[in-house]
Amino acid sequence: MENKMLTVEQAYKAMFYFLEHQYELTKSDEIGGLLGFMDWTLWSDSSTPADPAMWEDWLVAVKRAL
């Protein structure tokens, strides 16, 4: 796979899709609950997650990784 740069939003979605796949494999209640807070489809204006604190936590994680 070729290296590509992702936006912060694209990286968040990539993490969501990864966790969604893990949930499909394991049916883990913990992962399912986390996905519920992260789900983009629940965002009323597509600029914050179902749980806005989750987005803030994500931004902190991105800054830490950088």
PDB file of N, CA and C in Angstrom:
ATOM      1  N   MET A   1       0.846  -1.173   0.000  1.00  0.00           N
ATOM      2  CA  MET A   1       0.000   0.000   0.000  1.00  0.00           C
ATOM      3  C   MET A   1       0.891   1.235   0.000  1.00  0.00           C
ATOM      4  N   GLU A   2       0.554   2.151  -0.835  1.00  0.00           N
ATOM      5  CA  GLU A   2       1.316   3.394  -0.948  1.00  0.00           C
ATOM      6  C   GLU A   2       1.024   4.295   0.253  1.00  0.00           C
ATOM      7  N   ASN A   3       2.049   5.003   0.726  1.00  0.00           N
ATOM      8  CA  ASN A   3       1.866   5.932   1.834  1.00  0.00           C
ATOM      9  C   ASN A   3       1.072   7.145   1.367  1.00  0.00           C
ATOM     10  N   LYS A   4       0.029   7.456   2.116  1.00  0.00           N
ATOM     11  CA  LYS A   4      -0.788   8.635   1.828  1.00  0.00           C
ATOM     12  C   LYS A   4      -1.009   9.369   3.139  1.00  0.00           C
ATOM     13  N   MET A   5      -1.163  10.663   3.038  1.00  0.00           N
ATOM     14  CA  MET A   5      -1.465  11.462   4.212  1.00  0.00           C
ATOM     15  C   MET A   5      -2.978  11.504   4.393  1.00  0.00           C
ATOM     16  N   LEU A   6      -3.417  11.354   5.630  1.00  0.00           N
ATOM     17  CA  LEU A   6      -4.834  11.438   5.948  1.00  0.00           C
ATOM     18  C   LEU A   6      -5.102  12.717   6.718  1.00  0.00           C
ATOM     19  N   THR A   7      -6.291  13.250   6.541  1.00  0.00           N
ATOM     20  CA  THR A   7      -6.709  14.359   7.393  1.00  0.00           C
ATOM     21  C   THR A   7      -7.041  13.774   8.765  1.00  0.00           C
ATOM     22  N   VAL A   8      -7.192  14.642   9.733  1.00  0.00           N
ATOM     23  CA  VAL A   8      -7.568  14.194  11.079  1.00  0.00           C
ATOM     24  C   VAL A   8      -8.911  13.468  11.026  1.00  0.00           C
ATOM     25  N   GLU A   9      -9.841  13.993  10.236  1.00  0.00           N
ATOM     26  CA  GLU A   9     -11.155  13.368  10.115  1.00  0.00           C
ATOM     27  C   GLU A   9     -11.061  12.001   9.443  1.00  0.00           C
ATOM     28  N   GLN A  10     -10.250  11.893   8.399  1.00  0.00           N
ATOM     29  CA  GLN A  10     -10.091  10.615   7.710  1.00  0.00           C
ATOM     30  C   GLN A  10      -9.439   9.576   8.623  1.00  0.00           C
ATOM     31  N   ALA A  11      -8.478   9.994   9.419  1.00  0.00           N
ATOM     32  CA  ALA A  11      -7.832   9.078  10.353  1.00  0.00           C
ATOM     33  C   ALA A  11      -8.826   8.592  11.404  1.00  0.00           C
ATOM     34  N   TYR A  12      -9.691   9.494  11.864  1.00  0.00           N
ATOM     35  CA  TYR A  12     -10.733   9.120  12.830  1.00  0.00           C
ATOM     36  C   TYR A  12     -11.656   8.073  12.216  1.00  0.00           C
ATOM     37  N   LYS A  13     -12.061   8.299  10.977  1.00  0.00           N
ATOM     38  CA  LYS A  13     -12.930   7.338  10.304  1.00  0.00           C
ATOM     39  C   LYS A  13     -12.219   6.005  10.109  1.00  0.00           C
ATOM     40  N   ALA A  14     -10.926   6.046   9.793  1.00  0.00           N
ATOM     41  CA  ALA A  14     -10.156   4.805   9.635  1.00  0.00           C
ATOM     42  C   ALA A  14     -10.140   4.028  10.949  1.00  0.00           C
ATOM     43  N   MET A  15      -9.952   4.731  12.066  1.00  0.00           N
ATOM     44  CA  MET A  15      -9.974   4.072  13.366  1.00  0.00           C
ATOM     45  C   MET A  15     -11.359   3.480  13.612  1.00  0.00           C
ATOM     46  N   PHE A  16     -12.404   4.236  13.271  1.00  0.00           N
ATOM     47  CA  PHE A  16     -13.773   3.745  13.455  1.00  0.00           C
ATOM     48  C   PHE A  16     -13.988   2.459  12.664  1.00  0.00           C
ATOM     49  N   TYR A  17     -13.578   2.449  11.397  1.00  0.00           N
ATOM     50  CA  TYR A  17     -13.781   1.268  10.556  1.00  0.00           C
ATOM     51  C   TYR A  17     -12.985   0.071  11.078  1.00  0.00           C
ATOM     52  N   PHE A  18     -11.771   0.325  11.588  1.00  0.00           N
ATOM     53  CA  PHE A  18     -10.971  -0.745  12.176  1.00  0.00           C
ATOM     54  C   PHE A  18     -11.700  -1.344  13.381  1.00  0.00           C
ATOM     55  N   LEU A  19     -12.175  -0.478  14.274  1.00  0.00           N
ATOM     56  CA  LEU A  19     -12.885  -0.963  15.462  1.00  0.00           C
ATOM     57  C   LEU A  19     -14.203  -1.643  15.088  1.00  0.00           C
ATOM     58  N   GLU A  20     -14.869  -1.139  14.055  1.00  0.00           N
ATOM     59  CA  GLU A  20     -16.108  -1.759  13.597  1.00  0.00           C
ATOM     60  C   GLU A  20     -15.847  -3.192  13.143  1.00  0.00           C
ATOM     61  N   HIS A  21     -14.751  -3.382  12.430  1.00  0.00           N
ATOM     62  CA  HIS A  21     -14.381  -4.729  11.981  1.00  0.00           C
ATOM     63  C   HIS A  21     -14.087  -5.622  13.183  1.00  0.00           C
ATOM     64  N   GLN A  22     -13.361  -5.095  14.160  1.00  0.00           N
ATOM     65  CA  GLN A  22     -13.069  -5.882  15.363  1.00  0.00           C
ATOM     66  C   GLN A  22     -14.358  -6.260  16.088  1.00  0.00           C
ATOM     67  N   TYR A  23     -15.312  -5.340  16.107  1.00  0.00           N
ATOM     68  CA  TYR A  23     -16.597  -5.638  16.740  1.00  0.00           C
ATOM     69  C   TYR A  23     -17.314  -6.762  15.995  1.00  0.00           C
ATOM     70  N   GLU A  24     -17.283  -6.706  14.665  1.00  0.00           N
ATOM     71  CA  GLU A  24     -17.929  -7.754  13.869  1.00  0.00           C
ATOM     72  C   GLU A  24     -17.316  -9.122  14.160  1.00  0.00           C
ATOM     73  N   LEU A  25     -16.013  -9.146  14.416  1.00  0.00           N
ATOM     74  CA  LEU A  25     -15.329 -10.406  14.706  1.00  0.00           C
ATOM     75  C   LEU A  25     -15.601 -10.914  16.114  1.00  0.00           C
ATOM     76  N   THR A  26     -15.689  -9.981  17.083  1.00  0.00           N
ATOM     77  CA  THR A  26     -15.725 -10.376  18.492  1.00  0.00           C
ATOM     78  C   THR A  26     -17.071 -10.177  19.183  1.00  0.00           C
ATOM     79  N   LYS A  27     -17.899  -9.278  18.654  1.00  0.00           N
ATOM     80  CA  LYS A  27     -19.159  -8.884  19.304  1.00  0.00           C
ATOM     81  C   LYS A  27     -18.914  -8.363  20.730  1.00  0.00           C
ATOM     82  N   SER A  28     -17.773  -7.744  20.939  1.00  0.00           N
ATOM     83  CA  SER A  28     -17.404  -7.199  22.239  1.00  0.00           C
ATOM     84  C   SER A  28     -18.313  -6.030  22.623  1.00  0.00           C
ATOM     85  N   ASP A  29     -18.932  -6.111  23.795  1.00  0.00           N
ATOM     86  CA  ASP A  29     -19.788  -5.021  24.267  1.00  0.00           C
ATOM     87  C   ASP A  29     -18.999  -3.730  24.452  1.00  0.00           C
ATOM     88  N   GLU A  30     -17.743  -3.843  24.887  1.00  0.00           N
ATOM     89  CA  GLU A  30     -16.918  -2.655  25.100  1.00  0.00           C
ATOM     90  C   GLU A  30     -16.648  -1.929  23.783  1.00  0.00           C
ATOM     91  N   ILE A  31     -16.305  -2.688  22.754  1.00  0.00           N
ATOM     92  CA  ILE A  31     -16.058  -2.073  21.444  1.00  0.00           C
ATOM     93  C   ILE A  31     -17.357  -1.516  20.881  1.00  0.00           C
ATOM     94  N   GLY A  32     -18.451  -2.240  21.050  1.00  0.00           N
ATOM     95  CA  GLY A  32     -19.742  -1.768  20.561  1.00  0.00           C
ATOM     96  C   GLY A  32     -20.145  -0.454  21.209  1.00  0.00           C
ATOM     97  N   GLY A  33     -19.919  -0.335  22.517  1.00  0.00           N
ATOM     98  CA  GLY A  33     -20.229   0.912  23.211  1.00  0.00           C
ATOM     99  C   GLY A  33     -19.375   2.058  22.721  1.00  0.00           C
ATOM    100  N   LEU A  34     -18.094   1.799  22.533  1.00  0.00           N
ATOM    101  CA  LEU A  34     -17.177   2.822  22.024  1.00  0.00           C
ATOM    102  C   LEU A  34     -17.612   3.287  20.645  1.00  0.00           C
ATOM    103  N   LEU A  35     -17.986   2.354  19.795  1.00  0.00           N
ATOM    104  CA  LEU A  35     -18.441   2.708  18.449  1.00  0.00           C
ATOM    105  C   LEU A  35     -19.688   3.584  18.490  1.00  0.00           C
ATOM    106  N   GLY A  36     -20.555   3.338  19.448  1.00  0.00           N
ATOM    107  CA  GLY A  36     -21.751   4.150  19.575  1.00  0.00           C
ATOM    108  C   GLY A  36     -21.438   5.613  19.838  1.00  0.00           C
ATOM    109  N   PHE A  37     -20.407   5.862  20.630  1.00  0.00           N
ATOM    110  CA  PHE A  37     -19.999   7.239  20.918  1.00  0.00           C
ATOM    111  C   PHE A  37     -19.255   7.871  19.750  1.00  0.00           C
ATOM    112  N   MET A  38     -18.615   7.037  18.941  1.00  0.00           N
ATOM    113  CA  MET A  38     -17.783   7.529  17.848  1.00  0.00           C
ATOM    114  C   MET A  38     -18.529   7.716  16.538  1.00  0.00           C
ATOM    115  N   ASP A  39     -19.695   7.120  16.393  1.00  0.00           N
ATOM    116  CA  ASP A  39     -20.372   6.999  15.103  1.00  0.00           C
ATOM    117  C   ASP A  39     -20.621   8.348  14.424  1.00  0.00           C
ATOM    118  N   TRP A  40     -20.089   8.508  13.217  1.00  0.00           N
ATOM    119  CA  TRP A  40     -20.278   9.729  12.419  1.00  0.00           C
ATOM    120  C   TRP A  40     -21.717   9.884  11.977  1.00  0.00           C
ATOM    121  N   THR A  41     -22.426   8.774  11.748  1.00  0.00           N
ATOM    122  CA  THR A  41     -23.789   8.878  11.223  1.00  0.00           C
ATOM    123  C   THR A  41     -24.738   9.491  12.244  1.00  0.00           C
ATOM    124  N   LEU A  42     -24.340   9.511  13.509  1.00  0.00           N
ATOM    125  CA  LEU A  42     -25.175  10.103  14.548  1.00  0.00           C
ATOM    126  C   LEU A  42     -24.913  11.597  14.709  1.00  0.00           C
ATOM    127  N   TRP A  43     -23.933  12.125  13.980  1.00  0.00           N
ATOM    128  CA  TRP A  43     -23.591  13.537  14.114  1.00  0.00           C
ATOM    129  C   TRP A  43     -24.650  14.373  13.433  1.00  0.00           C
ATOM    130  N   SER A  44     -25.213  15.296  14.156  1.00  0.00           N
ATOM    131  CA  SER A  44     -26.292  16.107  13.594  1.00  0.00           C
ATOM    132  C   SER A  44     -25.802  17.046  12.502  1.00  0.00           C
ATOM    133  N   ASP A  45     -24.598  17.564  12.654  1.00  0.00           N
ATOM    134  CA  ASP A  45     -24.095  18.525  11.666  1.00  0.00           C
ATOM    135  C   ASP A  45     -22.816  18.041  10.984  1.00  0.00           C
ATOM    136  N   SER A  46     -22.461  16.787  11.168  1.00  0.00           N
ATOM    137  CA  SER A  46     -21.268  16.170  10.568  1.00  0.00           C
ATOM    138  C   SER A  46     -19.967  16.850  10.974  1.00  0.00           C
ATOM    139  N   SER A  47     -19.980  17.626  12.064  1.00  0.00           N
ATOM    140  CA  SER A  47     -18.730  18.261  12.493  1.00  0.00           C
ATOM    141  C   SER A  47     -18.318  17.836  13.894  1.00  0.00           C
ATOM    142  N   THR A  48     -19.181  17.115  14.590  1.00  0.00           N
ATOM    143  CA  THR A  48     -18.835  16.582  15.908  1.00  0.00           C
ATOM    144  C   THR A  48     -19.440  15.194  16.045  1.00  0.00           C
ATOM    145  N   PRO A  49     -18.790  14.306  16.801  1.00  0.00           N
ATOM    146  CA  PRO A  49     -19.335  12.958  16.956  1.00  0.00           C
ATOM    147  C   PRO A  49     -20.569  12.952  17.860  1.00  0.00           C
ATOM    148  N   ALA A  50     -21.188  11.777  17.952  1.00  0.00           N
ATOM    149  CA  ALA A  50     -22.340  11.618  18.835  1.00  0.00           C
ATOM    150  C   ALA A  50     -21.974  12.100  20.238  1.00  0.00           C
ATOM    151  N   ASP A  51     -20.736  11.858  20.653  1.00  0.00           N
ATOM    152  CA  ASP A  51     -20.217  12.338  21.932  1.00  0.00           C
ATOM    153  C   ASP A  51     -19.106  13.339  21.614  1.00  0.00           C
ATOM    154  N   PRO A  52     -19.371  14.651  21.686  1.00  0.00           N
ATOM    155  CA  PRO A  52     -18.361  15.655  21.335  1.00  0.00           C
ATOM    156  C   PRO A  52     -17.061  15.503  22.122  1.00  0.00           C
ATOM    157  N   ALA A  53     -17.136  14.972  23.333  1.00  0.00           N
ATOM    158  CA  ALA A  53     -15.915  14.762  24.119  1.00  0.00           C
ATOM    159  C   ALA A  53     -15.004  13.739  23.434  1.00  0.00           C
ATOM    160  N   MET A  54     -15.609  12.799  22.711  1.00  0.00           N
ATOM    161  CA  MET A  54     -14.815  11.797  21.991  1.00  0.00           C
ATOM    162  C   MET A  54     -13.933  12.477  20.953  1.00  0.00           C
ATOM    163  N   TRP A  55     -14.469  13.478  20.263  1.00  0.00           N
ATOM    164  CA  TRP A  55     -13.696  14.203  19.257  1.00  0.00           C
ATOM    165  C   TRP A  55     -12.540  14.947  19.907  1.00  0.00           C
ATOM    166  N   GLU A  56     -12.797  15.562  21.048  1.00  0.00           N
ATOM    167  CA  GLU A  56     -11.727  16.268  21.767  1.00  0.00           C
ATOM    168  C   GLU A  56     -10.643  15.290  22.207  1.00  0.00           C
ATOM    169  N   ASP A  57     -11.039  14.119  22.683  1.00  0.00           N
ATOM    170  CA  ASP A  57     -10.063  13.092  23.066  1.00  0.00           C
ATOM    171  C   ASP A  57      -9.241  12.659  21.853  1.00  0.00           C
ATOM    172  N   TRP A  58      -9.909  12.557  20.701  1.00  0.00           N
ATOM    173  CA  TRP A  58      -9.214  12.177  19.468  1.00  0.00           C
ATOM    174  C   TRP A  58      -8.172  13.228  19.097  1.00  0.00           C
ATOM    175  N   LEU A  59      -8.535  14.497  19.174  1.00  0.00           N
ATOM    176  CA  LEU A  59      -7.588  15.562  18.832  1.00  0.00           C
ATOM    177  C   LEU A  59      -6.373  15.552  19.767  1.00  0.00           C
ATOM    178  N   VAL A  60      -6.595  15.262  21.035  1.00  0.00           N
ATOM    179  CA  VAL A  60      -5.484  15.148  21.989  1.00  0.00           C
ATOM    180  C   VAL A  60      -4.579  13.981  21.577  1.00  0.00           C
ATOM    181  N   ALA A  61      -5.185  12.861  21.196  1.00  0.00           N
ATOM    182  CA  ALA A  61      -4.407  11.695  20.780  1.00  0.00           C
ATOM    183  C   ALA A  61      -3.579  12.007  19.522  1.00  0.00           C
ATOM    184  N   VAL A  62      -4.173  12.732  18.577  1.00  0.00           N
ATOM    185  CA  VAL A  62      -3.453  13.096  17.350  1.00  0.00           C
ATOM    186  C   VAL A  62      -2.258  13.979  17.697  1.00  0.00           C
ATOM    187  N   LYS A  63      -2.460  14.981  18.530  1.00  0.00           N
ATOM    188  CA  LYS A  63      -1.350  15.865  18.935  1.00  0.00           C
ATOM    189  C   LYS A  63      -0.255  15.068  19.611  1.00  0.00           C
ATOM    190  N   ARG A  64      -0.646  14.129  20.436  1.00  0.00           N
ATOM    191  CA  ARG A  64       0.343  13.303  21.143  1.00  0.00           C
ATOM    192  C   ARG A  64       1.143  12.454  20.148  1.00  0.00           C
ATOM    193  N   ALA A  65       0.460  11.894  19.162  1.00  0.00           N
ATOM    194  CA  ALA A  65       1.147  11.067  18.170  1.00  0.00           C
ATOM    195  C   ALA A  65       2.091  11.868  17.296  1.00  0.00           C
ATOM    196  N   LEU A  66       1.722  13.120  17.024  1.00  0.00           N
ATOM    197  CA  LEU A  66       2.573  13.966  16.195  1.00  0.00           C
ATOM    198  C   LEU A  66       3.773  14.453  16.973  1.00  0.00           C
TER     199      LEU A  66
END
